[in-house]
């Protein structure tokens, strides 16, 4: 897997690579149980490789010590509402 950076900020993770396109899932860095984790959401988009080359995007290999975890944003919002009793 590769991380996608735009303007120096993590914006996604490449989950599939095809001849001319990449499937990128939205991602962000968070703290999970006291450990830096890259959280990937359910939102994804196909991007042509040409777009990556033409923008200031940067693809970086995921370091071996980096943790990547999928999260369910919809469930997270429900959990917050339950916690706050809203």
C-alpha atoms as a PDB file:
ATOM      1  CA  UNK A   1       0.000   0.000   0.000  1.00  0.00           C
ATOM      2  CA  UNK A   2       0.998   3.601  -0.544  1.00  0.00           C
ATOM      3  CA  UNK A   3       0.067   6.764   1.290  1.00  0.00           C
ATOM      4  CA  UNK A   4      -1.128   9.779  -0.698  1.00  0.00           C
ATOM      5  CA  UNK A   5       0.037  13.197   0.452  1.00  0.00           C
ATOM      6  CA  UNK A   6      -1.276  16.470  -0.949  1.00  0.00           C
ATOM      7  CA  UNK A   7       0.371  19.739   0.121  1.00  0.00           C
ATOM      8  CA  UNK A   8       2.238  17.825   2.820  1.00  0.00           C
ATOM      9  CA  UNK A   9      -0.878  16.352   4.440  1.00  0.00           C
ATOM     10  CA  UNK A  10      -2.043  12.747   4.362  1.00  0.00           C
ATOM     11  CA  UNK A  11      -5.254  12.541   2.321  1.00  0.00           C
ATOM     12  CA  UNK A  12      -5.571   8.892   1.391  1.00  0.00           C
ATOM     13  CA  UNK A  13      -4.284   5.369   0.987  1.00  0.00           C
ATOM     14  CA  UNK A  14      -3.987   3.565  -2.352  1.00  0.00           C
ATOM     15  CA  UNK A  15      -5.896   0.306  -1.909  1.00  0.00           C
ATOM     16  CA  UNK A  16      -5.845  -0.857  -5.555  1.00  0.00           C
ATOM     17  CA  UNK A  17      -3.650   0.012  -8.476  1.00  0.00           C
ATOM     18  CA  UNK A  18      -4.613  -0.577 -12.083  1.00  0.00           C
ATOM     19  CA  UNK A  19      -2.799   0.217 -15.320  1.00  0.00           C
ATOM     20  CA  UNK A  20      -3.915   3.869 -15.496  1.00  0.00           C
ATOM     21  CA  UNK A  21      -5.894   4.420 -12.304  1.00  0.00           C
ATOM     22  CA  UNK A  22      -5.612   4.223  -8.539  1.00  0.00           C
ATOM     23  CA  UNK A  23      -8.374   3.471  -6.058  1.00  0.00           C
ATOM     24  CA  UNK A  24      -7.732   5.804  -3.131  1.00  0.00           C
ATOM     25  CA  UNK A  25      -9.564   5.648   0.202  1.00  0.00           C
ATOM     26  CA  UNK A  26      -9.751   8.794   2.318  1.00  0.00           C
ATOM     27  CA  UNK A  27      -7.425   8.615   5.332  1.00  0.00           C
ATOM     28  CA  UNK A  28      -6.211  10.640   8.276  1.00  0.00           C
ATOM     29  CA  UNK A  29      -3.824  10.222  11.190  1.00  0.00           C
ATOM     30  CA  UNK A  30      -5.311   9.602  14.619  1.00  0.00           C
ATOM     31  CA  UNK A  31      -4.318   8.303  18.031  1.00  0.00           C
ATOM     32  CA  UNK A  32      -5.779   4.870  18.748  1.00  0.00           C
ATOM     33  CA  UNK A  33      -5.061   3.379  22.169  1.00  0.00           C
ATOM     34  CA  UNK A  34      -2.035   5.610  22.579  1.00  0.00           C
ATOM     35  CA  UNK A  35      -0.529   4.638  19.228  1.00  0.00           C
ATOM     36  CA  UNK A  36      -0.289   6.706  16.035  1.00  0.00           C
ATOM     37  CA  UNK A  37      -2.646   5.076  13.531  1.00  0.00           C
ATOM     38  CA  UNK A  38      -3.719   5.840   9.986  1.00  0.00           C
ATOM     39  CA  UNK A  39      -7.503   5.565   9.840  1.00  0.00           C
ATOM     40  CA  UNK A  40      -9.082   4.840   6.465  1.00  0.00           C
ATOM     41  CA  UNK A  41     -12.724   5.706   5.886  1.00  0.00           C
ATOM     42  CA  UNK A  42     -15.330   4.131   3.629  1.00  0.00           C
ATOM     43  CA  UNK A  43     -15.053   7.007   1.127  1.00  0.00           C
ATOM     44  CA  UNK A  44     -13.038   6.116  -1.970  1.00  0.00           C
ATOM     45  CA  UNK A  45     -12.375   7.535  -5.416  1.00  0.00           C
ATOM     46  CA  UNK A  46     -10.738   6.361  -8.629  1.00  0.00           C
ATOM     47  CA  UNK A  47      -7.976   8.743  -9.738  1.00  0.00           C
ATOM     48  CA  UNK A  48      -6.006   8.615 -12.972  1.00  0.00           C
ATOM     49  CA  UNK A  49      -2.277   8.327 -12.412  1.00  0.00           C
ATOM     50  CA  UNK A  50      -1.793  11.359 -14.672  1.00  0.00           C
ATOM     51  CA  UNK A  51      -3.623  13.515 -12.098  1.00  0.00           C
ATOM     52  CA  UNK A  52      -1.174  12.438  -9.391  1.00  0.00           C
ATOM     53  CA  UNK A  53       1.742  13.352 -11.671  1.00  0.00           C
ATOM     54  CA  UNK A  54       0.247  16.738 -12.623  1.00  0.00           C
ATOM     55  CA  UNK A  55      -0.565  17.841  -9.085  1.00  0.00           C
ATOM     56  CA  UNK A  56       1.726  18.247  -6.120  1.00  0.00           C
ATOM     57  CA  UNK A  57       0.597  14.864  -4.822  1.00  0.00           C
ATOM     58  CA  UNK A  58       3.155  12.455  -3.488  1.00  0.00           C
ATOM     59  CA  UNK A  59       2.932   8.668  -3.130  1.00  0.00           C
ATOM     60  CA  UNK A  60       4.911   7.181  -0.247  1.00  0.00           C
ATOM     61  CA  UNK A  61       5.301   3.526   0.719  1.00  0.00           C
ATOM     62  CA  UNK A  62       3.699   2.692   4.055  1.00  0.00           C
ATOM     63  CA  UNK A  63       6.425   2.243   6.701  1.00  0.00           C
ATOM     64  CA  UNK A  64       6.508  -1.230   8.247  1.00  0.00           C
ATOM     65  CA  UNK A  65       5.843   0.120  11.743  1.00  0.00           C
ATOM     66  CA  UNK A  66       2.776   2.131  10.613  1.00  0.00           C
ATOM     67  CA  UNK A  67      -0.642   0.842  11.651  1.00  0.00           C
ATOM     68  CA  UNK A  68      -3.562   1.232   9.218  1.00  0.00           C
ATOM     69  CA  UNK A  69      -7.083   0.603  10.504  1.00  0.00           C
ATOM     70  CA  UNK A  70     -10.448   0.933   8.745  1.00  0.00           C
ATOM     71  CA  UNK A  71     -13.064   2.917  10.625  1.00  0.00           C
ATOM     72  CA  UNK A  72     -16.793   3.335  10.196  1.00  0.00           C
ATOM     73  CA  UNK A  73     -17.463   7.074  10.328  1.00  0.00           C
ATOM     74  CA  UNK A  74     -21.250   6.631  10.459  1.00  0.00           C
ATOM     75  CA  UNK A  75     -20.962   4.368  13.498  1.00  0.00           C
ATOM     76  CA  UNK A  76     -18.531   6.813  15.133  1.00  0.00           C
ATOM     77  CA  UNK A  77     -21.097   9.607  14.900  1.00  0.00           C
ATOM     78  CA  UNK A  78     -23.768   7.345  16.406  1.00  0.00           C
ATOM     79  CA  UNK A  79     -21.392   6.434  19.248  1.00  0.00           C
ATOM     80  CA  UNK A  80     -20.705  10.105  20.010  1.00  0.00           C
ATOM     81  CA  UNK A  81     -24.444  10.856  20.070  1.00  0.00           C
ATOM     82  CA  UNK A  82     -25.039   7.923  22.451  1.00  0.00           C
ATOM     83  CA  UNK A  83     -22.162   9.047  24.658  1.00  0.00           C
ATOM     84  CA  UNK A  84     -23.421  12.636  24.830  1.00  0.00           C
ATOM     85  CA  UNK A  85     -27.018  11.407  25.187  1.00  0.00           C
ATOM     86  CA  UNK A  86     -28.186  13.625  22.311  1.00  0.00           C
END
